[in-house]
């Protein structure tokens, strides 16, 4: 992840064993993308029926 961030990139773990998910920072630094992700999620799923309670 540090190499990606050094070049203004991102590194996200898409799949991992459950025990890894408890100890790893799966998302890392996402910068200022969270508000954009939330807006997209709301636009495509306004009733929050898809994956309720997940990251976004």
PDB file of N, CA and C in Angstrom:
ATOM      1  N   UNK A   1       0.826  -1.192   0.000  1.00  0.00           N
ATOM      2  CA  UNK A   1       0.000   0.000   0.000  1.00  0.00           C
ATOM      3  C   UNK A   1       0.867   1.250   0.000  1.00  0.00           C
ATOM      4  N   UNK A   2       1.972   1.237   0.714  1.00  0.00           N
ATOM      5  CA  UNK A   2       2.810   2.439   0.786  1.00  0.00           C
ATOM      6  C   UNK A   2       3.351   2.829  -0.585  1.00  0.00           C
ATOM      7  N   UNK A   3       3.670   1.860  -1.431  1.00  0.00           N
ATOM      8  CA  UNK A   3       4.140   2.179  -2.787  1.00  0.00           C
ATOM      9  C   UNK A   3       3.037   2.846  -3.602  1.00  0.00           C
ATOM     10  N   UNK A   4       1.836   2.350  -3.471  1.00  0.00           N
ATOM     11  CA  UNK A   4       0.706   2.957  -4.191  1.00  0.00           C
ATOM     12  C   UNK A   4       0.478   4.388  -3.719  1.00  0.00           C
ATOM     13  N   UNK A   5       0.476   4.584  -2.413  1.00  0.00           N
ATOM     14  CA  UNK A   5       0.226   5.914  -1.865  1.00  0.00           C
ATOM     15  C   UNK A   5       1.344   6.884  -2.230  1.00  0.00           C
ATOM     16  N   UNK A   6       2.568   6.384  -2.352  1.00  0.00           N
ATOM     17  CA  UNK A   6       3.691   7.239  -2.731  1.00  0.00           C
ATOM     18  C   UNK A   6       3.503   7.821  -4.127  1.00  0.00           C
ATOM     19  N   UNK A   7       2.699   7.155  -4.940  1.00  0.00           N
ATOM     20  CA  UNK A   7       2.423   7.620  -6.305  1.00  0.00           C
ATOM     21  C   UNK A   7       0.975   8.101  -6.446  1.00  0.00           C
ATOM     22  N   UNK A   8       0.403   8.529  -5.302  1.00  0.00           N
ATOM     23  CA  UNK A   8      -0.972   9.045  -5.254  1.00  0.00           C
ATOM     24  C   UNK A   8      -2.007   8.020  -5.700  1.00  0.00           C
ATOM     25  N   UNK A   9      -1.720   6.751  -5.454  1.00  0.00           N
ATOM     26  CA  UNK A   9      -2.658   5.687  -5.794  1.00  0.00           C
ATOM     27  C   UNK A   9      -3.321   5.119  -4.553  1.00  0.00           C
ATOM     28  N   UNK A  10      -4.155   4.131  -4.778  1.00  0.00           N
ATOM     29  CA  UNK A  10      -4.890   3.479  -3.702  1.00  0.00           C
ATOM     30  C   UNK A  10      -4.687   1.981  -3.785  1.00  0.00           C
ATOM     31  N   UNK A  11      -4.816   1.311  -2.659  1.00  0.00           N
ATOM     32  CA  UNK A  11      -4.720  -0.142  -2.589  1.00  0.00           C
ATOM     33  C   UNK A  11      -5.825  -0.608  -1.654  1.00  0.00           C
ATOM     34  N   UNK A  12      -6.738  -1.390  -2.181  1.00  0.00           N
ATOM     35  CA  UNK A  12      -7.872  -1.866  -1.403  1.00  0.00           C
ATOM     36  C   UNK A  12      -7.907  -3.381  -1.433  1.00  0.00           C
ATOM     37  N   UNK A  13      -8.076  -4.010  -0.282  1.00  0.00           N
ATOM     38  CA  UNK A  13      -8.196  -5.464  -0.193  1.00  0.00           C
ATOM     39  C   UNK A  13      -9.643  -5.818  -0.507  1.00  0.00           C
ATOM     40  N   UNK A  14      -9.854  -6.553  -1.600  1.00  0.00           N
ATOM     41  CA  UNK A  14     -11.209  -6.901  -2.021  1.00  0.00           C
ATOM     42  C   UNK A  14     -11.722  -8.178  -1.376  1.00  0.00           C
ATOM     43  N   UNK A  15     -10.831  -9.102  -1.083  1.00  0.00           N
ATOM     44  CA  UNK A  15     -11.238 -10.366  -0.463  1.00  0.00           C
ATOM     45  C   UNK A  15     -10.135 -10.816   0.488  1.00  0.00           C
ATOM     46  N   UNK A  16     -10.551 -11.316   1.642  1.00  0.00           N
ATOM     47  CA  UNK A  16      -9.599 -11.787   2.647  1.00  0.00           C
ATOM     48  C   UNK A  16     -10.326 -12.705   3.611  1.00  0.00           C
ATOM     49  N   UNK A  17      -9.588 -13.614   4.243  1.00  0.00           N
ATOM     50  CA  UNK A  17     -10.209 -14.458   5.263  1.00  0.00           C
ATOM     51  C   UNK A  17     -10.766 -13.589   6.398  1.00  0.00           C
ATOM     52  N   UNK A  18     -11.839 -14.029   7.037  1.00  0.00           N
ATOM     53  CA  UNK A  18     -12.468 -13.227   8.105  1.00  0.00           C
ATOM     54  C   UNK A  18     -11.495 -12.779   9.197  1.00  0.00           C
ATOM     55  N   UNK A  19     -10.562 -13.636   9.587  1.00  0.00           N
ATOM     56  CA  UNK A  19      -9.635 -13.250  10.657  1.00  0.00           C
ATOM     57  C   UNK A  19      -8.702 -12.128  10.210  1.00  0.00           C
ATOM     58  N   UNK A  20      -8.386 -12.040   8.932  1.00  0.00           N
ATOM     59  CA  UNK A  20      -7.560 -10.945   8.423  1.00  0.00           C
ATOM     60  C   UNK A  20      -8.334  -9.639   8.466  1.00  0.00           C
ATOM     61  N   UNK A  21      -9.624  -9.706   8.174  1.00  0.00           N
ATOM     62  CA  UNK A  21     -10.444  -8.497   8.119  1.00  0.00           C
ATOM     63  C   UNK A  21     -10.513  -7.795   9.467  1.00  0.00           C
ATOM     64  N   UNK A  22     -10.318  -8.533  10.539  1.00  0.00           N
ATOM     65  CA  UNK A  22     -10.370  -7.946  11.878  1.00  0.00           C
ATOM     66  C   UNK A  22      -9.090  -7.203  12.227  1.00  0.00           C
ATOM     67  N   UNK A  23      -7.988  -7.535  11.546  1.00  0.00           N
ATOM     68  CA  UNK A  23      -6.704  -6.939  11.906  1.00  0.00           C
ATOM     69  C   UNK A  23      -6.132  -6.005  10.846  1.00  0.00           C
ATOM     70  N   UNK A  24      -6.576  -6.127   9.599  1.00  0.00           N
ATOM     71  CA  UNK A  24      -6.039  -5.298   8.524  1.00  0.00           C
ATOM     72  C   UNK A  24      -6.895  -4.060   8.282  1.00  0.00           C
ATOM     73  N   UNK A  25      -6.252  -3.030   7.816  1.00  0.00           N
ATOM     74  CA  UNK A  25      -6.966  -1.847   7.341  1.00  0.00           C
ATOM     75  C   UNK A  25      -7.299  -2.117   5.875  1.00  0.00           C
ATOM     76  N   UNK A  26      -8.468  -2.687   5.622  1.00  0.00           N
ATOM     77  CA  UNK A  26      -8.826  -3.146   4.285  1.00  0.00           C
ATOM     78  C   UNK A  26      -8.976  -2.008   3.284  1.00  0.00           C
ATOM     79  N   UNK A  27      -9.459  -0.872   3.717  1.00  0.00           N
ATOM     80  CA  UNK A  27      -9.727   0.227   2.798  1.00  0.00           C
ATOM     81  C   UNK A  27      -8.566   1.195   2.685  1.00  0.00           C
ATOM     82  N   UNK A  28      -7.792   1.342   3.733  1.00  0.00           N
ATOM     83  CA  UNK A  28      -6.696   2.299   3.688  1.00  0.00           C
ATOM     84  C   UNK A  28      -7.209   3.723   3.607  1.00  0.00           C
ATOM     85  N   UNK A  29      -6.326   4.625   3.259  1.00  0.00           N
ATOM     86  CA  UNK A  29      -6.691   6.032   3.133  1.00  0.00           C
ATOM     87  C   UNK A  29      -7.434   6.228   1.818  1.00  0.00           C
ATOM     88  N   UNK A  30      -8.683   6.555   1.888  1.00  0.00           N
ATOM     89  CA  UNK A  30      -9.489   6.755   0.681  1.00  0.00           C
ATOM     90  C   UNK A  30      -9.573   8.223   0.279  1.00  0.00           C
ATOM     91  N   UNK A  31      -8.828   9.067   0.951  1.00  0.00           N
ATOM     92  CA  UNK A  31      -8.851  10.480   0.594  1.00  0.00           C
ATOM     93  C   UNK A  31     -10.229  11.085   0.791  1.00  0.00           C
ATOM     94  N   UNK A  32     -10.670  11.847  -0.177  1.00  0.00           N
ATOM     95  CA  UNK A  32     -11.949  12.555  -0.086  1.00  0.00           C
ATOM     96  C   UNK A  32     -13.049  11.867  -0.885  1.00  0.00           C
ATOM     97  N   UNK A  33     -12.931  10.552  -1.106  1.00  0.00           N
ATOM     98  CA  UNK A  33     -13.905   9.854  -1.954  1.00  0.00           C
ATOM     99  C   UNK A  33     -15.152   9.404  -1.202  1.00  0.00           C
ATOM    100  N   UNK A  34     -15.134   9.355   0.117  1.00  0.00           N
ATOM    101  CA  UNK A  34     -16.285   8.859   0.868  1.00  0.00           C
ATOM    102  C   UNK A  34     -17.571   9.633   0.559  1.00  0.00           C
ATOM    103  N   UNK A  35     -17.561  10.965   0.550  1.00  0.00           N
ATOM    104  CA  UNK A  35     -18.800  11.673   0.209  1.00  0.00           C
ATOM    105  C   UNK A  35     -19.312  11.329  -1.197  1.00  0.00           C
ATOM    106  N   UNK A  36     -18.408  11.147  -2.133  1.00  0.00           N
ATOM    107  CA  UNK A  36     -18.804  10.770  -3.495  1.00  0.00           C
ATOM    108  C   UNK A  36     -19.417   9.376  -3.497  1.00  0.00           C
ATOM    109  N   UNK A  37     -18.800   8.452  -2.785  1.00  0.00           N
ATOM    110  CA  UNK A  37     -19.313   7.084  -2.709  1.00  0.00           C
ATOM    111  C   UNK A  37     -20.696   7.063  -2.057  1.00  0.00           C
ATOM    112  N   UNK A  38     -20.874   7.857  -1.015  1.00  0.00           N
ATOM    113  CA  UNK A  38     -22.173   7.915  -0.341  1.00  0.00           C
ATOM    114  C   UNK A  38     -23.247   8.487  -1.264  1.00  0.00           C
ATOM    115  N   UNK A  39     -22.895   9.507  -2.030  1.00  0.00           N
ATOM    116  CA  UNK A  39     -23.846  10.115  -2.957  1.00  0.00           C
ATOM    117  C   UNK A  39     -24.250   9.117  -4.047  1.00  0.00           C
ATOM    118  N   UNK A  40     -23.283   8.379  -4.586  1.00  0.00           N
ATOM    119  CA  UNK A  40     -23.587   7.359  -5.594  1.00  0.00           C
ATOM    120  C   UNK A  40     -24.460   6.257  -5.022  1.00  0.00           C
ATOM    121  N   UNK A  41     -24.125   5.815  -3.819  1.00  0.00           N
ATOM    122  CA  UNK A  41     -24.913   4.770  -3.162  1.00  0.00           C
ATOM    123  C   UNK A  41     -26.360   5.231  -2.998  1.00  0.00           C
ATOM    124  N   UNK A  42     -26.543   6.461  -2.557  1.00  0.00           N
ATOM    125  CA  UNK A  42     -27.898   6.984  -2.356  1.00  0.00           C
ATOM    126  C   UNK A  42     -28.643   7.123  -3.683  1.00  0.00           C
ATOM    127  N   UNK A  43     -27.926   7.516  -4.735  1.00  0.00           N
ATOM    128  CA  UNK A  43     -28.560   7.685  -6.039  1.00  0.00           C
ATOM    129  C   UNK A  43     -29.054   6.350  -6.600  1.00  0.00           C
ATOM    130  N   UNK A  44     -28.260   5.301  -6.446  1.00  0.00           N
ATOM    131  CA  UNK A  44     -28.616   4.008  -7.017  1.00  0.00           C
ATOM    132  C   UNK A  44     -29.410   3.116  -6.060  1.00  0.00           C
ATOM    133  N   UNK A  45     -29.384   3.438  -4.767  1.00  0.00           N
ATOM    134  CA  UNK A  45     -30.093   2.632  -3.774  1.00  0.00           C
ATOM    135  C   UNK A  45     -30.718   3.550  -2.715  1.00  0.00           C
ATOM    136  N   UNK A  46     -31.675   4.401  -3.112  1.00  0.00           N
ATOM    137  CA  UNK A  46     -32.227   5.389  -2.179  1.00  0.00           C
ATOM    138  C   UNK A  46     -32.945   4.778  -0.978  1.00  0.00           C
ATOM    139  N   UNK A  47     -33.441   3.564  -1.105  1.00  0.00           N
ATOM    140  CA  UNK A  47     -34.133   2.919   0.013  1.00  0.00           C
ATOM    141  C   UNK A  47     -33.195   2.034   0.831  1.00  0.00           C
ATOM    142  N   UNK A  48     -31.922   2.034   0.503  1.00  0.00           N
ATOM    143  CA  UNK A  48     -30.873   1.301   1.227  1.00  0.00           C
ATOM    144  C   UNK A  48     -31.211  -0.175   1.385  1.00  0.00           C
ATOM    145  N   UNK A  49     -31.627  -0.790   0.301  1.00  0.00           N
ATOM    146  CA  UNK A  49     -31.974  -2.204   0.319  1.00  0.00           C
ATOM    147  C   UNK A  49     -30.788  -3.097  -0.020  1.00  0.00           C
ATOM    148  N   UNK A  50     -29.807  -2.565  -0.732  1.00  0.00           N
ATOM    149  CA  UNK A  50     -28.651  -3.358  -1.139  1.00  0.00           C
ATOM    150  C   UNK A  50     -27.545  -3.264  -0.090  1.00  0.00           C
ATOM    151  N   UNK A  51     -27.170  -4.381   0.460  1.00  0.00           N
ATOM    152  CA  UNK A  51     -26.088  -4.458   1.451  1.00  0.00           C
ATOM    153  C   UNK A  51     -26.261  -3.469   2.601  1.00  0.00           C
ATOM    154  N   UNK A  52     -27.381  -3.513   3.310  1.00  0.00           N
ATOM    155  CA  UNK A  52     -27.566  -2.580   4.429  1.00  0.00           C
ATOM    156  C   UNK A  52     -26.524  -2.816   5.519  1.00  0.00           C
ATOM    157  N   UNK A  53     -26.037  -1.721   6.087  1.00  0.00           N
ATOM    158  CA  UNK A  53     -25.066  -1.818   7.168  1.00  0.00           C
ATOM    159  C   UNK A  53     -23.637  -2.049   6.721  1.00  0.00           C
ATOM    160  N   UNK A  54     -23.394  -2.050   5.421  1.00  0.00           N
ATOM    161  CA  UNK A  54     -22.028  -2.226   4.934  1.00  0.00           C
ATOM    162  C   UNK A  54     -21.267  -0.914   5.035  1.00  0.00           C
ATOM    163  N   UNK A  55     -20.089  -0.878   4.486  1.00  0.00           N
ATOM    164  CA  UNK A  55     -19.178   0.264   4.601  1.00  0.00           C
ATOM    165  C   UNK A  55     -19.840   1.594   4.262  1.00  0.00           C
ATOM    166  N   UNK A  56     -20.596   1.631   3.210  1.00  0.00           N
ATOM    167  CA  UNK A  56     -21.205   2.885   2.760  1.00  0.00           C
ATOM    168  C   UNK A  56     -22.673   2.866   3.107  1.00  0.00           C
TER     169      UNK A  56
END
